[in-house]
């Protein structure tokens, strides 16, 4: 049976609402807002070939106020007919709560109590839908994103949303073929692009089209993908009469060059001034952070590196151990250098987002064991070159942890980490708060049910 439909990954069947939740420890008084996280939660049994990334999205939220946990809610994202329900990230921007996914599907706006309000309109044409990983510049409040879709051929789209929620800038960038560009990064002057060897798989798509259309669809995609946007007639042939897909049409391409791009944030309108740096073959889902080093003329990028992805396992990201690495791009020589910072297999890296695109010291991640979340929280000191490990206990599974500072002017590690932790033996989850400097317990909010292993989330303060 598919592992992503069992145990901690198994979907839950009910939408729950609970008030005045039990708390162990003390919730800091300044935490007034909502912690929201989203993940796949298939409504129906999608079958043994189901890919974890493709289940319908469900948001889980806890409201904190005045040292108390006021409510917990979990709600499916309910898209319009024909849209895929976002399942990958929840962010706040311009006064709105946005549920996000990638690959061409639109984002959706959620209400205060997690009801689905409808498609999020950015008052502009987003050619490739949107991404699951936008990054907010802490200096400007603008939201920067790189979006991809197999329908866009060898183009990806860099976009900037202003603080008013409107599309301010969009740049089309040419890449090698049709890569899965899950994340990006920003620095003060650059956008970081990952053009890596997980690419659109023509045979996967052509094999799912109605039989009479398979051969012409394969021919059409072979001519088009890697050069031009796919015509509507081909998209219609691929999608006509089909339920939501169960397979992700991306796989490892050993012949595809691996490289990192630097695109000027305010550069050429046609994206022609992107600079590319060759690296060894790998895949990157998530960036910890990136920043510039003016005194050396370098750009530093900290990421979780996978040696390969979707090469032998096609239901989820389970191709072996990962590591935290630092890529240093030398602007003078055009060369990239790679340094492995930490050997723990890990994912879901986060920082103090007040330092997004600026020099950081600390980062946090979750240990991954055999492709699934374990019980360990990792605290990286990238200056000292050390990693602290806190094991929460046998039988616990830790989800992504978000850093929240203890005040506007608090030091980089003066804050709490918050995220969902599931107790496998009891089948119950909790919102755990840890001290970011020591990884010791601050508070635990006990939830009425289980939060399945999921993806990303945010702390959305009331102010």
Protein backbone atom coordinates (compact mmCIF):
# COMPACT_ATOMS: atom_id res chain seq x y z
CA UNK A 1 0.00 0.00 0.00
CA UNK A 2 1.10 3.57 -0.64
CA UNK A 3 3.14 4.82 2.35
CA UNK A 4 1.77 8.37 1.88
CA UNK A 5 -1.72 7.12 2.75
CA UNK A 6 -0.68 5.36 5.97
CA UNK A 7 0.50 6.10 9.50
CA UNK A 8 1.45 9.76 10.03
CA UNK A 9 0.72 10.58 6.37
CA UNK A 10 -2.81 9.16 6.46
CA UNK A 11 -5.53 11.74 5.72
CA UNK A 12 -8.15 12.66 8.31
CA UNK A 13 -11.84 12.39 7.48
CA UNK A 14 -13.41 15.20 9.49
CA UNK A 15 -13.26 18.96 9.83
CA UNK A 16 -13.03 19.78 13.54
CA UNK A 17 -13.55 22.90 15.63
CA UNK A 18 -12.46 23.12 19.26
CA UNK A 19 -12.31 26.06 21.67
CA UNK A 20 -10.26 26.91 24.77
CA UNK A 21 -7.62 24.25 24.22
CA UNK A 22 -5.62 22.66 27.03
CA UNK A 23 -2.12 24.12 27.38
CA UNK A 24 0.94 22.74 29.13
CA UNK A 25 3.54 25.37 29.98
CA UNK A 26 3.10 29.08 29.30
CA UNK A 27 2.27 30.69 25.96
CA UNK A 28 4.12 34.05 25.68
CA UNK A 29 1.64 36.93 26.02
CA UNK A 30 2.88 38.67 22.87
CA UNK A 31 1.74 35.80 20.63
CA UNK A 32 -1.58 37.15 19.35
CA UNK A 33 -2.47 35.64 15.99
CA UNK A 34 -2.86 32.37 14.10
CA UNK A 35 -0.45 29.58 13.35
CA UNK A 36 -1.54 27.95 10.08
CA UNK A 37 -0.09 24.99 8.22
CA UNK A 38 -1.32 23.14 5.16
CA UNK A 39 -0.78 19.72 3.63
CA UNK A 40 -2.30 17.07 1.36
CA UNK A 41 -5.46 15.38 2.63
CA UNK A 42 -7.14 13.34 -0.15
CA UNK A 43 -10.93 13.33 0.04
CA UNK A 44 -11.21 9.94 -1.70
CA UNK A 45 -8.83 7.00 -1.99
CA UNK A 46 -6.47 8.06 -4.82
CA UNK A 47 -4.95 4.60 -5.34
CA UNK A 48 -1.56 3.01 -4.82
CA UNK A 49 0.19 5.19 -7.43
CA UNK A 50 -0.83 8.35 -5.57
CA UNK A 51 1.86 11.02 -5.24
CA UNK A 52 1.97 12.75 -1.85
CA UNK A 53 2.16 16.20 -3.45
CA UNK A 54 -1.23 15.79 -5.18
CA UNK A 55 -3.75 15.28 -2.38
CA UNK A 56 -6.42 17.92 -1.83
CA UNK A 57 -5.24 20.60 0.58
CA UNK A 58 -6.35 20.92 4.20
CA UNK A 59 -5.37 23.82 6.49
CA UNK A 60 -4.86 23.30 10.24
CA UNK A 61 -4.90 26.39 12.43
CA UNK A 62 -4.56 27.42 16.08
CA UNK A 63 -5.47 30.88 17.35
CA UNK A 64 -3.37 32.23 20.23
CA UNK A 65 -4.37 35.30 22.25
CA UNK A 66 -3.43 36.70 25.68
CA UNK A 67 -1.53 33.57 26.67
CA UNK A 68 -4.39 31.21 25.73
CA UNK A 69 -5.18 28.91 22.80
CA UNK A 70 -8.62 30.15 21.71
CA UNK A 71 -9.41 27.66 18.96
CA UNK A 72 -8.30 24.92 16.62
CA UNK A 73 -9.81 24.41 13.19
CA UNK A 74 -9.00 22.20 10.20
CA UNK A 75 -10.65 22.91 6.86
CA UNK A 76 -10.31 21.64 3.31
CA UNK A 77 -9.51 24.28 0.73
CA UNK A 78 -12.53 24.29 -1.58
CA UNK A 79 -11.56 25.45 -5.08
CA UNK A 80 -13.77 26.21 -8.04
CA UNK A 81 -14.53 23.33 -10.37
CA UNK A 82 -11.51 22.52 -12.50
CA UNK A 83 -8.95 24.02 -10.09
CA UNK A 84 -6.59 22.04 -7.92
CA UNK A 85 -6.98 22.70 -4.19
CA UNK A 86 -3.79 24.38 -2.90
CA UNK A 87 -1.95 22.11 -0.48
CA UNK A 88 1.64 23.38 -0.06
CA UNK A 89 1.91 26.68 1.82
CA UNK A 90 -0.11 29.29 3.70
CA UNK A 91 1.17 32.87 3.86
CA UNK A 92 -0.14 36.28 4.77
CA UNK A 93 0.31 39.25 2.44
CA UNK A 94 -1.42 42.61 2.02
CA UNK A 95 -3.98 41.72 4.67
CA UNK A 96 -4.95 38.44 3.01
CA UNK A 97 -4.40 34.79 3.94
CA UNK A 98 -3.26 32.86 0.85
CA UNK A 99 -3.24 29.09 0.31
CA UNK A 100 -0.60 28.25 -2.30
CA UNK A 101 0.44 25.47 -4.64
CA UNK A 102 2.67 25.43 -7.70
CA UNK A 103 2.81 24.10 -11.25
CA UNK A 104 0.28 26.50 -12.75
CA UNK A 105 -2.64 26.23 -10.33
CA UNK A 106 -4.03 29.45 -8.84
CA UNK A 107 -3.72 30.50 -5.18
CA UNK A 108 -6.84 30.81 -3.03
CA UNK A 109 -7.77 33.27 -0.32
CA UNK A 110 -8.92 32.04 3.10
CA UNK A 111 -11.00 33.76 5.74
CA UNK A 112 -10.13 34.37 9.38
CA UNK A 113 -11.67 31.02 10.36
CA UNK A 114 -10.14 29.17 7.38
CA UNK A 115 -13.19 29.18 5.12
CA UNK A 116 -12.37 29.37 1.40
CA UNK A 117 -13.20 32.81 -0.03
CA UNK A 118 -12.18 32.17 -3.65
CA UNK A 119 -9.32 32.65 -6.07
CA UNK A 120 -6.76 35.22 -4.99
CA UNK A 121 -6.71 37.98 -7.59
CA UNK A 122 -3.42 39.86 -7.89
CA UNK A 123 -4.83 42.45 -10.32
CA UNK A 124 -2.45 41.28 -13.02
CA UNK A 125 -1.71 38.39 -15.34
CA UNK A 126 0.36 35.67 -13.65
CA UNK A 127 1.36 33.63 -16.68
CA UNK A 128 2.29 30.46 -14.79
CA UNK A 129 -0.22 30.56 -11.95
CA UNK A 130 1.85 31.06 -8.83
CA UNK A 131 4.41 29.33 -6.65
CA UNK A 132 4.30 27.61 -3.27
CA UNK A 133 7.41 29.49 -2.09
CA UNK A 134 7.28 33.27 -2.39
CA UNK A 135 9.72 35.25 -0.24
CA UNK A 136 8.91 38.57 1.39
CA UNK A 137 11.62 41.20 1.45
CA UNK A 138 11.66 42.45 5.06
CA UNK A 139 12.83 45.90 3.95
CA UNK A 140 10.08 46.58 1.40
CA UNK A 141 7.28 44.17 2.32
CA UNK A 142 7.07 43.08 -1.34
CA UNK A 143 6.52 39.40 -2.17
CA UNK A 144 8.97 37.87 -4.66
CA UNK A 145 8.25 34.61 -6.46
CA UNK A 146 9.42 32.35 -9.29
CA UNK A 147 6.59 30.33 -10.86
CA UNK A 148 6.79 27.40 -13.25
CA UNK A 149 4.37 25.21 -15.19
CA UNK A 150 4.85 22.49 -17.79
CA UNK A 151 2.50 24.52 -20.00
CA UNK A 152 5.11 27.30 -20.13
CA UNK A 153 7.75 25.22 -21.94
CA UNK A 154 11.25 26.47 -21.13
CA UNK A 155 10.06 29.64 -19.39
CA UNK A 156 9.65 30.46 -15.72
CA UNK A 157 8.21 33.72 -14.43
CA UNK A 158 9.66 36.02 -11.78
CA UNK A 159 7.00 38.22 -10.21
CA UNK A 160 6.79 40.89 -7.50
CA UNK A 161 3.63 41.66 -5.55
CA UNK A 162 3.55 45.08 -3.94
CA UNK A 163 2.39 45.78 -0.41
CA UNK A 164 -1.01 46.60 -1.91
CA UNK A 165 -1.30 43.03 -3.21
CA UNK A 166 -1.05 44.09 -6.85
CA UNK A 167 1.37 42.70 -9.41
CA UNK A 168 4.19 45.25 -9.78
CA UNK A 169 6.68 43.37 -11.94
CA UNK A 170 6.86 40.18 -14.00
CA UNK A 171 9.87 38.89 -15.95
CA UNK A 172 9.99 35.83 -18.18
CA UNK A 173 13.25 33.83 -17.84
CA UNK A 174 14.45 31.15 -20.23
CA UNK A 175 15.76 27.90 -18.70
CA UNK A 176 17.17 24.67 -20.19
CA UNK A 177 13.94 22.70 -20.47
CA UNK A 178 10.89 22.38 -18.25
CA UNK A 179 12.21 21.96 -14.67
CA UNK A 180 10.31 21.60 -11.43
CA UNK A 181 11.40 24.82 -9.70
CA UNK A 182 9.87 24.29 -6.27
CA UNK A 183 11.62 27.16 -4.48
CA UNK A 184 13.72 30.24 -5.17
CA UNK A 185 15.58 32.74 -2.99
CA UNK A 186 16.22 36.46 -2.87
CA UNK A 187 19.07 38.68 -1.76
CA UNK A 188 19.10 42.48 -1.67
CA UNK A 189 19.82 42.69 -5.41
CA UNK A 190 19.34 39.18 -6.86
CA UNK A 191 16.74 36.47 -7.36
CA UNK A 192 18.15 32.94 -7.08
CA UNK A 193 16.86 30.36 -9.59
CA UNK A 194 17.34 26.57 -9.43
CA UNK A 195 17.48 25.00 -12.90
CA UNK A 196 17.94 21.37 -11.81
CA UNK A 197 17.43 17.86 -13.23
CA UNK A 198 13.85 17.15 -12.10
CA UNK A 199 11.93 17.90 -15.29
CA UNK A 200 8.57 17.45 -16.94
CA UNK A 201 8.12 13.81 -18.00
CA UNK A 202 6.40 13.64 -21.37
CA UNK A 203 5.74 9.90 -21.20
CA UNK A 204 3.91 10.20 -17.87
CA UNK A 205 1.50 12.73 -19.34
CA UNK A 206 1.06 11.15 -22.75
CA UNK A 207 0.35 7.79 -21.12
CA UNK A 208 -2.61 9.27 -19.21
CA UNK A 209 -4.32 10.88 -22.19
CA UNK A 210 -7.21 9.13 -23.99
CA UNK A 211 -5.70 6.32 -26.09
CA UNK A 212 -6.37 7.88 -29.54
CA UNK A 213 -4.57 11.05 -28.42
CA UNK A 214 -1.44 9.45 -26.91
CA UNK A 215 0.79 9.38 -29.98
CA UNK A 216 -0.07 12.88 -31.29
CA UNK A 217 0.18 14.27 -27.76
CA UNK A 218 3.67 12.76 -27.29
CA UNK A 219 4.78 14.15 -30.66
CA UNK A 220 3.36 17.59 -29.85
CA UNK A 221 4.98 17.72 -26.42
CA UNK A 222 8.34 16.55 -27.77
CA UNK A 223 8.32 19.41 -30.29
CA UNK A 224 7.17 22.01 -27.81
CA UNK A 225 8.38 21.34 -24.27
CA UNK A 226 11.78 22.89 -23.77
CA UNK A 227 11.14 25.68 -26.27
CA UNK A 228 7.68 27.22 -26.28
CA UNK A 229 4.48 27.38 -24.22
CA UNK A 230 2.17 24.42 -24.83
CA UNK A 231 -0.88 25.24 -27.00
CA UNK A 232 -4.32 25.09 -25.41
CA UNK A 233 -5.38 22.20 -27.68
CA UNK A 234 -2.60 20.01 -26.27
CA UNK A 235 -3.44 20.96 -22.68
CA UNK A 236 -7.09 20.13 -23.36
CA UNK A 237 -6.14 16.74 -24.78
CA UNK A 238 -4.04 15.94 -21.72
CA UNK A 239 -6.66 16.97 -19.17
CA UNK A 240 -9.99 16.24 -20.89
CA UNK A 241 -12.27 13.95 -18.94
CA UNK A 242 -9.77 13.23 -16.18
CA UNK A 243 -10.16 13.44 -12.43
CA UNK A 244 -7.44 15.04 -10.35
CA UNK A 245 -4.10 13.42 -11.26
CA UNK A 246 -2.57 10.82 -8.96
CA UNK A 247 0.94 10.93 -10.47
CA UNK A 248 3.29 13.89 -10.53
CA UNK A 249 4.53 14.30 -14.14
CA UNK A 250 8.13 15.15 -13.15
CA UNK A 251 11.12 12.83 -12.86
CA UNK A 252 14.92 12.79 -12.65
CA UNK A 253 16.73 13.50 -15.93
CA UNK A 254 20.39 12.49 -15.62
CA UNK A 255 21.24 14.32 -18.85
CA UNK A 256 19.86 17.67 -17.72
CA UNK A 257 22.54 20.21 -16.67
CA UNK A 258 22.36 21.45 -13.07
CA UNK A 259 22.87 25.16 -12.49
CA UNK A 260 21.96 28.08 -10.26
CA UNK A 261 20.92 31.41 -11.76
CA UNK A 262 21.21 34.96 -10.45
CA UNK A 263 18.61 37.31 -11.92
CA UNK A 264 18.86 41.04 -11.10
CA UNK A 265 15.75 42.04 -9.16
CA UNK A 266 15.43 45.24 -11.19
CA UNK A 267 17.16 44.05 -14.35
CA UNK A 268 16.18 43.63 -17.99
CA UNK A 269 12.49 43.26 -18.75
CA UNK A 270 13.16 40.17 -20.88
CA UNK A 271 15.25 38.32 -18.27
CA UNK A 272 18.28 38.21 -20.58
CA UNK A 273 20.70 39.37 -17.88
CA UNK A 274 20.43 36.24 -15.72
CA UNK A 275 23.85 34.77 -14.81
CA UNK A 276 24.20 30.99 -14.60
CA UNK A 277 26.60 28.97 -12.41
CA UNK A 278 27.13 25.25 -13.07
CA UNK A 279 26.93 22.86 -10.10
CA UNK A 280 27.08 19.08 -9.62
CA UNK A 281 23.77 17.26 -10.29
CA UNK A 282 21.39 17.48 -7.33
CA UNK A 283 17.91 18.67 -6.42
CA UNK A 284 16.78 21.43 -4.05
CA UNK A 285 13.28 21.67 -2.67
CA UNK A 286 13.99 24.34 -0.06
CA UNK A 287 16.29 27.25 0.65
CA UNK A 288 17.33 28.16 4.17
CA UNK A 289 18.43 31.64 3.06
CA UNK A 290 20.66 33.55 0.65
CA UNK A 291 22.68 36.74 1.03
CA UNK A 292 25.40 38.86 -0.58
CA UNK A 293 28.96 39.30 0.63
CA UNK A 294 29.96 42.69 -0.85
CA UNK A 295 33.54 42.56 0.40
CA UNK A 296 34.26 39.38 -1.60
CA UNK A 297 31.83 39.79 -4.50
CA UNK A 298 30.04 36.55 -3.64
CA UNK A 299 26.48 35.36 -3.19
CA UNK A 300 25.92 32.69 -0.52
CA UNK A 301 23.00 30.25 -0.69
CA UNK A 302 22.19 27.72 2.06
CA UNK A 303 19.93 24.87 0.93
CA UNK A 304 18.90 21.32 1.73
CA UNK A 305 20.53 19.20 -0.98
CA UNK A 306 19.12 15.94 -2.38
CA UNK A 307 21.53 13.85 -4.46
CA UNK A 308 18.62 13.08 -6.81
CA UNK A 309 14.82 13.08 -6.78
CA UNK A 310 12.05 11.03 -8.42
CA UNK A 311 14.56 8.70 -10.02
CA UNK A 312 13.32 5.42 -8.50
CA UNK A 313 10.51 6.47 -6.15
CA UNK A 314 7.56 8.21 -7.84
CA UNK A 315 5.11 8.64 -4.96
CA UNK A 316 7.08 11.13 -2.85
CA UNK A 317 10.53 12.52 -1.95
CA UNK A 318 12.30 9.38 -0.75
CA UNK A 319 15.58 8.97 -2.66
CA UNK A 320 17.96 8.78 0.29
CA UNK A 321 19.57 11.07 2.89
CA UNK A 322 19.88 14.82 2.44
CA UNK A 323 22.34 17.37 3.81
CA UNK A 324 22.56 21.09 4.50
CA UNK A 325 25.00 22.66 2.04
CA UNK A 326 26.25 26.13 1.20
CA UNK A 327 26.71 27.20 -2.41
CA UNK A 328 29.01 30.20 -2.82
CA UNK A 329 28.72 31.93 -6.20
CA UNK A 330 31.79 33.97 -7.17
CA UNK A 331 30.57 36.84 -9.35
CA UNK A 332 34.08 37.59 -10.64
CA UNK A 333 35.04 34.08 -11.78
CA UNK A 334 31.57 32.76 -12.58
CA UNK A 335 32.29 29.65 -10.50
CA UNK A 336 30.18 27.95 -7.83
CA UNK A 337 31.69 26.30 -4.76
CA UNK A 338 29.84 23.80 -2.56
CA UNK A 339 30.44 23.20 1.15
CA UNK A 340 28.55 20.62 3.20
CA UNK A 341 27.59 22.18 6.51
CA UNK A 342 25.74 19.34 8.21
CA UNK A 343 25.28 15.61 7.58
CA UNK A 344 21.94 15.12 9.31
CA UNK A 345 19.27 14.06 6.85
CA UNK A 346 16.80 16.95 7.07
CA UNK A 347 14.16 19.08 5.43
CA UNK A 348 11.87 22.08 5.99
CA UNK A 349 14.61 24.64 6.77
CA UNK A 350 13.51 27.99 8.23
CA UNK A 351 15.19 31.14 9.55
CA UNK A 352 14.22 34.31 11.33
CA UNK A 353 12.47 35.83 8.29
CA UNK A 354 13.39 39.36 9.37
CA UNK A 355 16.72 38.34 7.78
CA UNK A 356 15.39 37.00 4.49
CA UNK A 357 17.95 37.90 1.83
CA UNK A 358 20.38 39.23 4.44
CA UNK A 359 23.28 37.64 6.30
CA UNK A 360 21.96 35.16 8.87
CA UNK A 361 23.59 33.02 11.55
CA UNK A 362 20.96 30.57 12.78
CA UNK A 363 18.68 28.18 10.96
CA UNK A 364 16.29 25.42 11.97
CA UNK A 365 15.23 22.17 10.34
CA UNK A 366 13.54 18.83 11.00
CA UNK A 367 15.41 15.53 10.83
CA UNK A 368 14.11 13.12 8.19
CA UNK A 369 14.39 9.36 8.69
CA UNK A 370 13.75 7.04 5.73
CA UNK A 371 11.82 9.76 3.95
CA UNK A 372 9.53 10.58 6.88
CA UNK A 373 9.64 13.15 9.71
CA UNK A 374 11.45 11.99 12.85
CA UNK A 375 11.45 13.32 16.40
CA UNK A 376 14.50 15.59 16.13
CA UNK A 377 14.74 19.38 15.78
CA UNK A 378 18.00 20.79 14.40
CA UNK A 379 19.46 24.20 15.23
CA UNK A 380 22.25 25.27 12.89
CA UNK A 381 24.84 27.90 13.76
CA UNK A 382 26.29 28.69 10.34
CA UNK A 383 29.00 30.94 11.78
CA UNK A 384 30.33 28.48 14.36
CA UNK A 385 29.68 25.56 12.02
CA UNK A 386 27.76 23.59 14.66
CA UNK A 387 24.39 21.87 14.88
CA UNK A 388 22.42 21.31 18.09
CA UNK A 389 19.93 18.44 18.16
CA UNK A 390 16.83 18.16 20.37
CA UNK A 391 14.98 14.86 20.31
CA UNK A 392 11.41 15.33 21.45
CA UNK A 393 10.80 11.67 22.25
CA UNK A 394 10.23 8.22 20.79
CA UNK A 395 7.06 7.89 18.74
CA UNK A 396 6.83 11.62 17.94
CA UNK A 397 6.88 13.12 14.44
CA UNK A 398 7.90 16.77 14.09
CA UNK A 399 6.58 18.97 11.31
CA UNK A 400 8.10 22.17 9.96
CA UNK A 401 8.90 24.74 12.66
CA UNK A 402 8.41 28.48 12.16
CA UNK A 403 10.50 31.07 14.01
CA UNK A 404 8.63 33.90 15.76
CA UNK A 405 10.71 36.65 17.43
CA UNK A 406 9.96 37.71 21.00
CA UNK A 407 9.75 41.34 19.87
CA UNK A 408 10.41 43.61 16.92
CA UNK A 409 13.96 44.30 18.06
CA UNK A 410 14.71 40.86 19.50
CA UNK A 411 18.00 39.16 18.64
CA UNK A 412 18.13 36.65 15.80
CA UNK A 413 17.61 33.61 18.05
CA UNK A 414 15.47 35.37 20.70
CA UNK A 415 12.12 33.82 19.94
CA UNK A 416 10.11 30.64 19.76
CA UNK A 417 9.82 27.85 17.22
CA UNK A 418 6.28 26.64 16.65
CA UNK A 419 4.91 23.71 14.72
CA UNK A 420 2.77 20.59 14.89
CA UNK A 421 4.07 17.41 16.54
CA UNK A 422 2.19 14.12 16.28
CA UNK A 423 2.27 11.29 18.80
CA UNK A 424 2.02 8.11 16.72
CA UNK A 425 0.90 5.78 19.54
CA UNK A 426 -2.03 8.00 20.59
CA UNK A 427 -2.87 9.40 17.15
CA UNK A 428 -3.08 12.93 18.59
CA UNK A 429 -1.18 16.08 17.66
CA UNK A 430 -0.10 19.19 19.51
CA UNK A 431 1.19 22.63 18.67
CA UNK A 432 4.63 22.73 20.30
CA UNK A 433 6.50 25.93 21.17
CA UNK A 434 10.26 25.65 21.75
CA UNK A 435 12.81 28.24 22.82
CA UNK A 436 14.76 29.03 19.63
CA UNK A 437 18.07 29.49 21.50
CA UNK A 438 17.95 26.37 23.67
CA UNK A 439 15.33 24.14 21.96
CA UNK A 440 13.74 23.64 25.39
CA UNK A 441 9.96 23.45 25.84
CA UNK A 442 7.98 26.67 26.21
CA UNK A 443 4.40 25.47 25.77
CA UNK A 444 2.30 22.67 24.29
CA UNK A 445 -1.22 23.22 22.94
CA UNK A 446 -3.11 19.93 22.94
CA UNK A 447 -5.29 19.41 19.86
CA UNK A 448 -8.49 17.35 19.56
CA UNK A 449 -7.21 15.19 16.69
CA UNK A 450 -4.29 14.37 14.42
CA UNK A 451 -2.57 16.67 11.98
CA UNK A 452 -1.19 14.53 9.11
CA UNK A 453 2.39 15.01 7.98
CA UNK A 454 2.22 18.08 5.77
CA UNK A 455 4.17 20.88 4.22
CA UNK A 456 4.49 24.56 5.11
CA UNK A 457 2.89 27.22 7.21
CA UNK A 458 3.20 30.64 8.80
CA UNK A 459 2.61 32.60 11.95
CA UNK A 460 0.14 35.36 11.05
CA UNK A 461 0.13 37.95 13.83
CA UNK A 462 -2.91 40.16 14.34
CA UNK A 463 -0.87 43.28 13.64
